[in-house]
């Protein structure tokens, strides 16, 4: 998922602060699943790719893939060799980029589905956020939240959900809803194409982890949002995940819930427990994106579902 703010594209990593990352997954034993020895193809956007998480690798560089993103961790735990693992995920990807080349600031990523073949046995796909307008909506809500707090956090303006109110009045809310449905329809088409290209593959649609806490007092500080706008944004993310789940199940794929396991590890949680970085990251990751701990948590969710 790509999220922009007034200061520029967050996916560029301008707000990151590097610290040592958690690499404890290496000590975990391989998972024994008879069919899940590959070939494995990973598809997705920045929540899959892991921009700014060490170490960045692969081509094109503009996709910003980490070798500690959840597909890489899943492949390692399943004992899948490098020759049987293709990570096609790319920061900024939409569903259209599954079937069309994606041009980044540093190279072109081939259509992600080109990595599939009749030999493919495992496919994971985490995508849809960039299709819905969720990123621009967060940008808008952050901007309005900053104004809300600058004006006394309710002292002078009683409305504690200015972003939701304006989005309802100007139709932005309806646009996000329509885009979510359209993203779901496009995903359904993509899942049919995956089945055609890789008929023997087990397909897992990976949902998005929890971004915002239900505790507005904590989130107000680290995410600059008005109290009730946090609930509004949570509702929109849950709506997207519901769409992904329904489309996956209708296509005969398996949905992986990462939202539930991450609810106490969102961007508003303590530095040493959160999976998602806030506006000012304290771990090497892009703002409002998973850090290394988050990618590990998402990998664990995928592995639990496979088992």
Foldseek 3Di string as FASTA:
>chain_A
DWAAAPVGTLLVVPQADADDDDPPLVPDAADDDPLPQALEEEEEACLQQFAQAPPFDDPDSQQRHHCLFLQNSLNVSNVHDPVSYHYQYGHPDALVLCQQWDDGPRDIRGNRVVPFAQRGAEYEYEHQPNQQCLNVLLNVQLVVLLVCVVVPLCPVPVDLAVSVVVCVVVVVVVSSVVSLLVSLVSVLVVLVVNCVRHVNYAYEYEADADAAALPQVLCCVQASGRNVNRVVSRVSSVVSLVSSCVSCVVSVHHYFDNHVVQRQAHCSHDLVRHQAHDCNGHHRGGHSHGYSVVSVSSSVSVVVVSD
